[in-house]
C-alpha atoms as a PDB file:
ATOM      1  CA  MET A   1      77.973  99.210 117.134  1.00  0.00           C
ATOM      2  CA  ALA A   2      80.846  96.581 116.523  1.00  0.00           C
ATOM      3  CA  GLU A   3      82.547  98.444 113.483  1.00  0.00           C
ATOM      4  CA  ARG A   4      82.780 101.253 115.185  1.00  0.00           C
ATOM      5  CA  ALA A   5      84.184  99.691 118.817  1.00  0.00           C
ATOM      6  CA  SER A   6      81.173 102.277 120.022  1.00  0.00           C
ATOM      7  CA  VAL A   7      78.220 101.520 122.808  1.00  0.00           C
ATOM      8  CA  ILE A   8      75.107 103.324 122.264  1.00  0.00           C
ATOM      9  CA  THR A   9      73.771 103.498 126.241  1.00  0.00           C
ATOM     10  CA  ALA A  10      70.254 104.160 126.761  1.00  0.00           C
ATOM     11  CA  GLU A  11      71.735 107.648 128.163  1.00  0.00           C
ATOM     12  CA  LYS A  12      73.471 108.726 125.270  1.00  0.00           C
ATOM     13  CA  LEU A  13      70.183 108.209 123.235  1.00  0.00           C
ATOM     14  CA  ALA A  14      68.158 109.599 125.501  1.00  0.00           C
ATOM     15  CA  ILE A  15      70.062 112.798 125.320  1.00  0.00           C
ATOM     16  CA  ASN A  16      69.982 112.848 121.090  1.00  0.00           C
ATOM     17  CA  ALA A  17      66.394 112.018 121.501  1.00  0.00           C
ATOM     18  CA  VAL A  18      66.144 114.883 123.591  1.00  0.00           C
ATOM     19  CA  MET A  19      68.365 117.139 121.333  1.00  0.00           C
ATOM     20  CA  ALA A  20      66.213 116.342 118.366  1.00  0.00           C
ATOM     21  CA  GLY A  21      62.629 116.905 120.137  1.00  0.00           C
ATOM     22  CA  CYS A  22      61.407 113.411 120.294  1.00  0.00           C
ATOM     23  CA  LEU A  23      58.380 113.095 122.947  1.00  0.00           C
ATOM     24  CA  PRO A  24      59.262 109.934 125.666  1.00  0.00           C
ATOM     25  CA  GLU A  25      57.045 107.464 123.925  1.00  0.00           C
ATOM     26  CA  TYR A  26      59.300 107.741 120.813  1.00  0.00           C
ATOM     27  CA  MET A  27      61.699 105.729 122.400  1.00  0.00           C
ATOM     28  CA  PRO A  28      60.660 102.263 121.855  1.00  0.00           C
ATOM     29  CA  VAL A  29      60.831 103.019 118.007  1.00  0.00           C
ATOM     30  CA  LEU A  30      64.530 104.619 118.663  1.00  0.00           C
ATOM     31  CA  VAL A  31      65.552 101.558 120.288  1.00  0.00           C
ATOM     32  CA  ALA A  32      64.522  99.311 118.251  1.00  0.00           C
ATOM     33  CA  THR A  33      66.484 101.369 115.299  1.00  0.00           C
ATOM     34  CA  VAL A  34      69.461 101.285 117.182  1.00  0.00           C
ATOM     35  CA  GLU A  35      69.512  97.483 117.550  1.00  0.00           C
ATOM     36  CA  ALA A  36      68.745  97.132 113.709  1.00  0.00           C
ATOM     37  CA  LEU A  37      71.994  99.245 112.752  1.00  0.00           C
ATOM     38  CA  ALA A  38      74.342  97.064 115.279  1.00  0.00           C
ATOM     39  CA  ASP A  39      73.212  93.941 113.644  1.00  0.00           C
ATOM     40  CA  PRO A  40      76.160  92.685 111.060  1.00  0.00           C
ATOM     41  CA  ALA A  41      73.872  92.276 108.514  1.00  0.00           C
ATOM     42  CA  PHE A  42      73.690  96.066 108.166  1.00  0.00           C
ATOM     43  CA  LYS A  43      77.513  96.472 107.522  1.00  0.00           C
ATOM     44  CA  PHE A  44      77.134  99.383 109.388  1.00  0.00           C
ATOM     45  CA  SER A  45      80.789 100.772 108.129  1.00  0.00           C
ATOM     46  CA  HIS A  46      79.627 101.707 104.400  1.00  0.00           C
ATOM     47  CA  LEU A  47      77.620 104.647 105.513  1.00  0.00           C
ATOM     48  CA  ALA A  48      80.704 106.289 105.302  1.00  0.00           C
ATOM     49  CA  SER A  49      81.525 105.608 101.907  1.00  0.00           C
ATOM     50  CA  LEU A  50      81.824 107.911  98.626  1.00  0.00           C
ATOM     51  CA  GLY A  51      78.059 107.244  97.495  1.00  0.00           C
ATOM     52  CA  SER A  52      77.176 109.225 100.990  1.00  0.00           C
ATOM     53  CA  PRO A  53      74.265 106.352 101.879  1.00  0.00           C
ATOM     54  CA  TRP A  54      71.764 106.943 105.237  1.00  0.00           C
ATOM     55  CA  PRO A  55      69.650 104.783 106.628  1.00  0.00           C
ATOM     56  CA  LEU A  56      66.286 104.894 105.991  1.00  0.00           C
ATOM     57  CA  VAL A  57      64.381 103.956 108.936  1.00  0.00           C
ATOM     58  CA  ILE A  58      60.570 102.663 107.942  1.00  0.00           C
ATOM     59  CA  VAL A  59      58.171 102.142 110.891  1.00  0.00           C
ATOM     60  CA  SER A  60      55.062  99.557 110.681  1.00  0.00           C
ATOM     61  CA  GLY A  61      52.365  98.363 112.942  1.00  0.00           C
ATOM     62  CA  PRO A  62      50.279  99.848 114.980  1.00  0.00           C
ATOM     63  CA  ILE A  63      52.366 102.117 117.137  1.00  0.00           C
ATOM     64  CA  VAL A  64      52.410 104.120 113.802  1.00  0.00           C
ATOM     65  CA  ARG A  65      48.881 105.167 114.561  1.00  0.00           C
ATOM     66  CA  THR A  66      50.013 105.598 118.275  1.00  0.00           C
ATOM     67  CA  LEU A  67      52.397 107.996 117.573  1.00  0.00           C
ATOM     68  CA  GLY A  68      50.742 109.844 115.475  1.00  0.00           C
ATOM     69  CA  MET A  69      53.423 109.283 112.724  1.00  0.00           C
ATOM     70  CA  ASN A  70      52.346 110.144 109.023  1.00  0.00           C
ATOM     71  CA  TYR A  71      52.095 107.439 106.638  1.00  0.00           C
ATOM     72  CA  GLY A  72      50.557 109.541 103.588  1.00  0.00           C
ATOM     73  CA  MET A  73      50.356 112.653 101.594  1.00  0.00           C
ATOM     74  CA  TYR A  74      54.057 114.177 101.397  1.00  0.00           C
ATOM     75  CA  LEU A  75      55.611 111.462 103.285  1.00  0.00           C
ATOM     76  CA  PHE A  76      59.232 112.482 102.894  1.00  0.00           C
ATOM     77  CA  GLY A  77      58.022 116.292 104.074  1.00  0.00           C
ATOM     78  CA  SER A  78      58.517 117.974 106.981  1.00  0.00           C
ATOM     79  CA  GLY A  79      55.478 118.937 109.318  1.00  0.00           C
ATOM     80  CA  ASN A  80      55.291 115.217 111.129  1.00  0.00           C
ATOM     81  CA  ARG A  81      56.737 115.818 114.699  1.00  0.00           C
ATOM     82  CA  ALA A  82      57.344 111.803 115.107  1.00  0.00           C
ATOM     83  CA  ASN A  83      58.760 111.312 111.586  1.00  0.00           C
ATOM     84  CA  ALA A  84      60.799 114.487 111.408  1.00  0.00           C
ATOM     85  CA  THR A  85      62.388 113.974 115.470  1.00  0.00           C
ATOM     86  CA  ILE A  86      62.931 110.047 115.136  1.00  0.00           C
ATOM     87  CA  GLY A  87      65.050 110.376 112.135  1.00  0.00           C
ATOM     88  CA  ARG A  88      66.883 113.348 113.782  1.00  0.00           C
ATOM     89  CA  ALA A  89      67.571 111.809 116.758  1.00  0.00           C
ATOM     90  CA  LEU A  90      69.160 108.884 114.895  1.00  0.00           C
ATOM     91  CA  SER A  91      71.406 111.439 112.460  1.00  0.00           C
ATOM     92  CA  LEU A  92      72.582 113.154 115.874  1.00  0.00           C
ATOM     93  CA  LEU A  93      73.369 110.007 117.662  1.00  0.00           C
ATOM     94  CA  LEU A  94      75.394 108.874 114.336  1.00  0.00           C
ATOM     95  CA  TRP A  95      77.278 112.034 114.339  1.00  0.00           C
ATOM     96  CA  ASN A  96      77.681 112.482 117.834  1.00  0.00           C
ATOM     97  CA  CYS A  97      78.621 108.846 119.060  1.00  0.00           C
ATOM     98  CA  CYS A  98      79.446 106.973 115.868  1.00  0.00           C
ATOM     99  CA  GLU A  99      81.753 109.949 114.301  1.00  0.00           C
ATOM    100  CA  LEU A 100      79.961 109.854 111.056  1.00  0.00           C
ATOM    101  CA  ARG A 101      80.519 113.637 110.280  1.00  0.00           C
ATOM    102  CA  PRO A 102      82.766 115.283 107.559  1.00  0.00           C
ATOM    103  CA  ASP A 103      85.459 115.914 110.036  1.00  0.00           C
ATOM    104  CA  ALA A 104      85.903 112.334 111.202  1.00  0.00           C
ATOM    105  CA  ILE A 105      84.884 108.840 109.017  1.00  0.00           C
ATOM    106  CA  GLN A 106      82.250 110.376 107.032  1.00  0.00           C
ATOM    107  CA  ARG A 107      83.471 110.549 103.276  1.00  0.00           C
ATOM    108  CA  GLY A 108      80.075 111.089 101.286  1.00  0.00           C
ATOM    109  CA  GLN A 109      81.487 113.199  97.933  1.00  0.00           C
ATOM    110  CA  LEU A 110      78.108 115.105  97.415  1.00  0.00           C
ATOM    111  CA  GLY A 111      76.253 114.463 100.835  1.00  0.00           C
ATOM    112  CA  ASN A 112      72.670 113.171 101.302  1.00  0.00           C
ATOM    113  CA  PRO A 113      69.454 115.644 102.242  1.00  0.00           C
ATOM    114  CA  HIS A 114      68.194 112.719 104.242  1.00  0.00           C
ATOM    115  CA  ARG A 115      70.864 112.820 106.785  1.00  0.00           C
ATOM    116  CA  TYR A 116      68.943 115.363 108.349  1.00  0.00           C
ATOM    117  CA  SER A 117      66.032 113.104 108.801  1.00  0.00           C
ATOM    118  CA  CYS A 118      64.661 109.963 107.007  1.00  0.00           C
ATOM    119  CA  CYS A 119      62.480 108.152 108.945  1.00  0.00           C
ATOM    120  CA  ILE A 120      58.871 106.971 107.225  1.00  0.00           C
ATOM    121  CA  ALA A 121      55.700 105.024 108.623  1.00  0.00           C
ATOM    122  CA  GLU A 122      54.120 102.022 106.501  1.00  0.00           C
ATOM    123  CA  ASN A 123      50.634 102.260 105.496  1.00  0.00           C
ATOM    124  CA  PRO A 124      48.641 100.269 108.089  1.00  0.00           C
ATOM    125  CA  ASP A 125      45.747 100.174 105.952  1.00  0.00           C
ATOM    126  CA  THR A 126      47.122  98.636 103.026  1.00  0.00           C
ATOM    127  CA  ALA A 127      46.039  95.859 101.111  1.00  0.00           C
ATOM    128  CA  TRP A 128      49.215  93.765 100.880  1.00  0.00           C
ATOM    129  CA  GLU A 129      51.434  92.455 103.327  1.00  0.00           C
ATOM    130  CA  GLY A 130      53.399  94.816 105.597  1.00  0.00           C
ATOM    131  CA  LEU A 131      57.167  94.543 106.214  1.00  0.00           C
ATOM    132  CA  ASN A 132      56.275  93.678 109.800  1.00  0.00           C
ATOM    133  CA  GLU A 133      54.459  90.147 108.198  1.00  0.00           C
ATOM    134  CA  ARG A 134      57.112  89.839 105.727  1.00  0.00           C
ATOM    135  CA  GLU A 135      59.454  89.316 108.284  1.00  0.00           C
ATOM    136  CA  GLY A 136      57.475  86.702 110.303  1.00  0.00           C
ATOM    137  CA  PHE A 137      55.492  88.758 112.608  1.00  0.00           C
ATOM    138  CA  GLU A 138      51.663  89.254 112.983  1.00  0.00           C
ATOM    139  CA  ARG A 139      49.980  91.992 111.618  1.00  0.00           C
ATOM    140  CA  THR A 140      49.515  93.858 115.133  1.00  0.00           C
ATOM    141  CA  THR A 141      53.215  93.766 115.818  1.00  0.00           C
ATOM    142  CA  SER A 142      54.875  97.278 115.181  1.00  0.00           C
ATOM    143  CA  THR A 143      58.531  96.477 114.051  1.00  0.00           C
ATOM    144  CA  VAL A 144      61.337  98.592 112.694  1.00  0.00           C
ATOM    145  CA  THR A 145      62.977  98.088 109.046  1.00  0.00           C
ATOM    146  CA  VAL A 146      66.120  99.818 108.715  1.00  0.00           C
ATOM    147  CA  ALA A 147      67.864 100.173 104.917  1.00  0.00           C
ATOM    148  CA  SER A 148      70.263 102.070 103.731  1.00  0.00           C
ATOM    149  CA  GLY A 149      69.908 104.243 100.857  1.00  0.00           C
ATOM    150  CA  TYR A 150      70.907 106.773  98.293  1.00  0.00           C
ATOM    151  CA  HIS A 151      68.520 109.268  96.859  1.00  0.00           C
ATOM    152  CA  LEU A 152      65.371 109.316  95.554  1.00  0.00           C
ATOM    153  CA  CYS A 153      64.499 108.382  92.062  1.00  0.00           C
ATOM    154  CA  MET A 154      60.793 109.039  90.922  1.00  0.00           C
ATOM    155  CA  THR A 155      59.218 107.346  88.090  1.00  0.00           C
ATOM    156  CA  ARG A 156      56.156 107.904  86.055  1.00  0.00           C
ATOM    157  CA  SER A 157      53.917 105.679  83.562  1.00  0.00           C
ATOM    158  CA  ALA A 158      50.857 107.087  81.336  1.00  0.00           C
ATOM    159  CA  SER A 159      49.594 103.118  81.456  1.00  0.00           C
ATOM    160  CA  SER A 160      47.054 101.854  84.040  1.00  0.00           C
ATOM    161  CA  SER A 161      48.308  98.278  83.238  1.00  0.00           C
ATOM    162  CA  PRO A 162      50.062  96.853  85.957  1.00  0.00           C
ATOM    163  CA  ARG A 163      53.341  95.917  83.470  1.00  0.00           C
ATOM    164  CA  GLY A 164      53.020  99.418  82.108  1.00  0.00           C
ATOM    165  CA  ILE A 165      53.382 100.961  85.547  1.00  0.00           C
ATOM    166  CA  LEU A 166      56.056  98.784  86.425  1.00  0.00           C
ATOM    167  CA  ALA A 167      58.020  99.432  83.045  1.00  0.00           C
ATOM    168  CA  PRO A 168      59.750 102.872  83.732  1.00  0.00           C
ATOM    169  CA  LEU A 169      60.499 101.351  87.507  1.00  0.00           C
ATOM    170  CA  VAL A 170      62.376  98.146  85.992  1.00  0.00           C
ATOM    171  CA  ASN A 171      64.046 100.685  83.690  1.00  0.00           C
ATOM    172  CA  ALA A 172      65.238 102.834  86.293  1.00  0.00           C
ATOM    173  CA  ILE A 173      66.690 100.010  88.708  1.00  0.00           C
ATOM    174  CA  SER A 174      68.417  98.603  85.725  1.00  0.00           C
ATOM    175  CA  HIS A 175      69.964 101.334  84.699  1.00  0.00           C
ATOM    176  CA  HIS A 176      70.561 103.191  88.176  1.00  0.00           C
ATOM    177  CA  GLU A 177      71.002 100.138  90.629  1.00  0.00           C
ATOM    178  CA  PHE A 178      72.717  97.454  88.081  1.00  0.00           C
ATOM    179  CA  GLU A 179      75.281  96.200  91.172  1.00  0.00           C
ATOM    180  CA  PRO A 180      73.939  93.760  93.569  1.00  0.00           C
ATOM    181  CA  SER A 181      71.926  96.132  96.147  1.00  0.00           C
ATOM    182  CA  CYS A 182      69.115  96.453  98.109  1.00  0.00           C
ATOM    183  CA  VAL A 183      66.271  98.564  96.292  1.00  0.00           C
ATOM    184  CA  VAL A 184      62.981 100.116  98.300  1.00  0.00           C
ATOM    185  CA  VAL A 185      60.163 100.629  96.114  1.00  0.00           C
ATOM    186  CA  MET A 186      57.621 102.589  97.177  1.00  0.00           C
ATOM    187  CA  MET A 187      54.019 103.236  96.169  1.00  0.00           C
ATOM    188  CA  PRO A 188      51.008 105.553  96.368  1.00  0.00           C
ATOM    189  CA  PRO A 189      48.015 104.277  97.401  1.00  0.00           C
ATOM    190  CA  ASN A 190      46.327 104.282  94.529  1.00  0.00           C
ATOM    191  CA  LEU A 191      48.833 102.797  92.238  1.00  0.00           C
ATOM    192  CA  GLU A 192      48.306  99.695  95.176  1.00  0.00           C
ATOM    193  CA  GLU A 193      45.076  99.556  94.534  1.00  0.00           C
ATOM    194  CA  LEU A 194      44.870  99.296  90.985  1.00  0.00           C
ATOM    195  CA  LEU A 195      48.060  96.505  91.152  1.00  0.00           C
ATOM    196  CA  ALA A 196      46.239  94.306  93.965  1.00  0.00           C
ATOM    197  CA  ASN A 197      43.070  94.932  92.395  1.00  0.00           C
ATOM    198  CA  GLN A 198      44.238  92.956  89.143  1.00  0.00           C
ATOM    199  CA  GLY A 199      45.994  90.229  91.593  1.00  0.00           C
ATOM    200  CA  TRP A 200      49.527  91.647  91.505  1.00  0.00           C
ATOM    201  CA  THR A 201      51.028  91.062  95.430  1.00  0.00           C
ATOM    202  CA  LYS A 202      54.381  92.025  96.600  1.00  0.00           C
ATOM    203  CA  ARG A 203      55.637  89.056  95.815  1.00  0.00           C
ATOM    204  CA  ARG A 204      54.631  89.266  92.180  1.00  0.00           C
ATOM    205  CA  ILE A 205      55.882  92.776  91.728  1.00  0.00           C
ATOM    206  CA  ARG A 206      59.411  91.751  93.369  1.00  0.00           C
ATOM    207  CA  ASP A 207      59.366  88.776  90.793  1.00  0.00           C
ATOM    208  CA  TYR A 208      58.200  90.671  87.848  1.00  0.00           C
ATOM    209  CA  ILE A 209      61.279  93.552  88.604  1.00  0.00           C
ATOM    210  CA  PHE A 210      64.094  90.958  88.987  1.00  0.00           C
ATOM    211  CA  GLU A 211      63.081  88.896  86.184  1.00  0.00           C
ATOM    212  CA  HIS A 212      63.073  91.857  83.800  1.00  0.00           C
ATOM    213  CA  ARG A 213      65.904  94.027  85.352  1.00  0.00           C
ATOM    214  CA  ARG A 214      68.175  92.802  82.776  1.00  0.00           C
ATOM    215  CA  ARG A 215      70.744  94.647  80.549  1.00  0.00           C
ATOM    216  CA  SER A 216      72.944  93.384  77.668  1.00  0.00           C
ATOM    217  CA  VAL A 217      76.587  92.804  78.097  1.00  0.00           C
ATOM    218  CA  LYS A 218      76.855  95.450  74.938  1.00  0.00           C
ATOM    219  CA  ASP A 219      74.894  98.156  76.746  1.00  0.00           C
ATOM    220  CA  LEU A 220      76.882  97.735  79.642  1.00  0.00           C
ATOM    221  CA  LYS A 221      79.918  98.488  77.673  1.00  0.00           C
ATOM    222  CA  GLU A 222      78.719 101.251  76.077  1.00  0.00           C
ATOM    223  CA  ASP A 223      77.649 103.159  79.580  1.00  0.00           C
ATOM    224  CA  ALA A 224      81.112 102.211  81.014  1.00  0.00           C
ATOM    225  CA  GLN A 225      79.398 100.162  83.607  1.00  0.00           C
ATOM    226  CA  TRP A 226      81.247  96.387  82.457  1.00  0.00           C
ATOM    227  CA  GLY A 227      83.773  95.556  84.901  1.00  0.00           C
ATOM    228  CA  ARG A 228      81.826  96.850  88.414  1.00  0.00           C
ATOM    229  CA  ARG A 229      80.508  94.240  90.290  1.00  0.00           C
ATOM    230  CA  GLY A 230      76.909  94.083  89.200  1.00  0.00           C
ATOM    231  CA  SER A 231      78.451  92.867  86.011  1.00  0.00           C
ATOM    232  CA  ARG A 232      79.877  89.883  87.597  1.00  0.00           C
ATOM    233  CA  PHE A 233      77.950  86.635  88.316  1.00  0.00           C
ATOM    234  CA  VAL A 234      77.185  86.472  92.079  1.00  0.00           C
ATOM    235  CA  ASP A 235      75.973  83.508  93.808  1.00  0.00           C
ATOM    236  CA  GLY A 236      72.428  83.901  95.592  1.00  0.00           C
ATOM    237  CA  LEU A 237      71.639  87.185  93.548  1.00  0.00           C
ATOM    238  CA  LYS A 238      67.883  86.329  93.460  1.00  0.00           C
ATOM    239  CA  ASP A 239      68.066  86.322  97.075  1.00  0.00           C
ATOM    240  CA  LEU A 240      69.095  89.620  96.658  1.00  0.00           C
ATOM    241  CA  ALA A 241      65.634  91.006  95.133  1.00  0.00           C
ATOM    242  CA  TYR A 242      63.533  89.857  98.231  1.00  0.00           C
END
């Protein structure tokens, strides 16, 4: 971890994994997760910021079933050993080896419940491309995606049309995530099926969200948002939507 001048050895990772209750077969996922966090593109130091962000670990590919991970009902809840202990091992590792704790560099104001554990699995039966395929891997290749996130925001719609389903989502993103940022959107299987059957791919949904995630200057000023980073034009902003 160059930003913390810390070296995460296999021994340190294994120690924290054992304390978390991981099985030995979880180790490949943990190694891949640490490698992702160490990538400069992740910008590790922002995990100590006031907003209390925390890494969301998303596992894709055949290893999801091999490890018996939960990718369905109660996705963010407790009860699945692999999901819970992989996320907990990462939390302990960052606490013990990178000083991401309140008495050290962690400066989150309100904290984040995901700080305890935040690891989920992608549905291997999805009709859409998986995160592994999006990054250029085969569907049969197991991957780990790490995204820094804040808190969950749930939206609902009484509509069965694609645009009606996406409207509350676009509205929430435009109001709560106006700054240039990465938003992770998750949908239950019934909505995925409904959208896919009407010809909506992940790419089309991302394009739709980007094109409709707009607010007027007047609206921003009334909400005291004008002047923040998101209200200024950023080259390549559209790339962040993908």
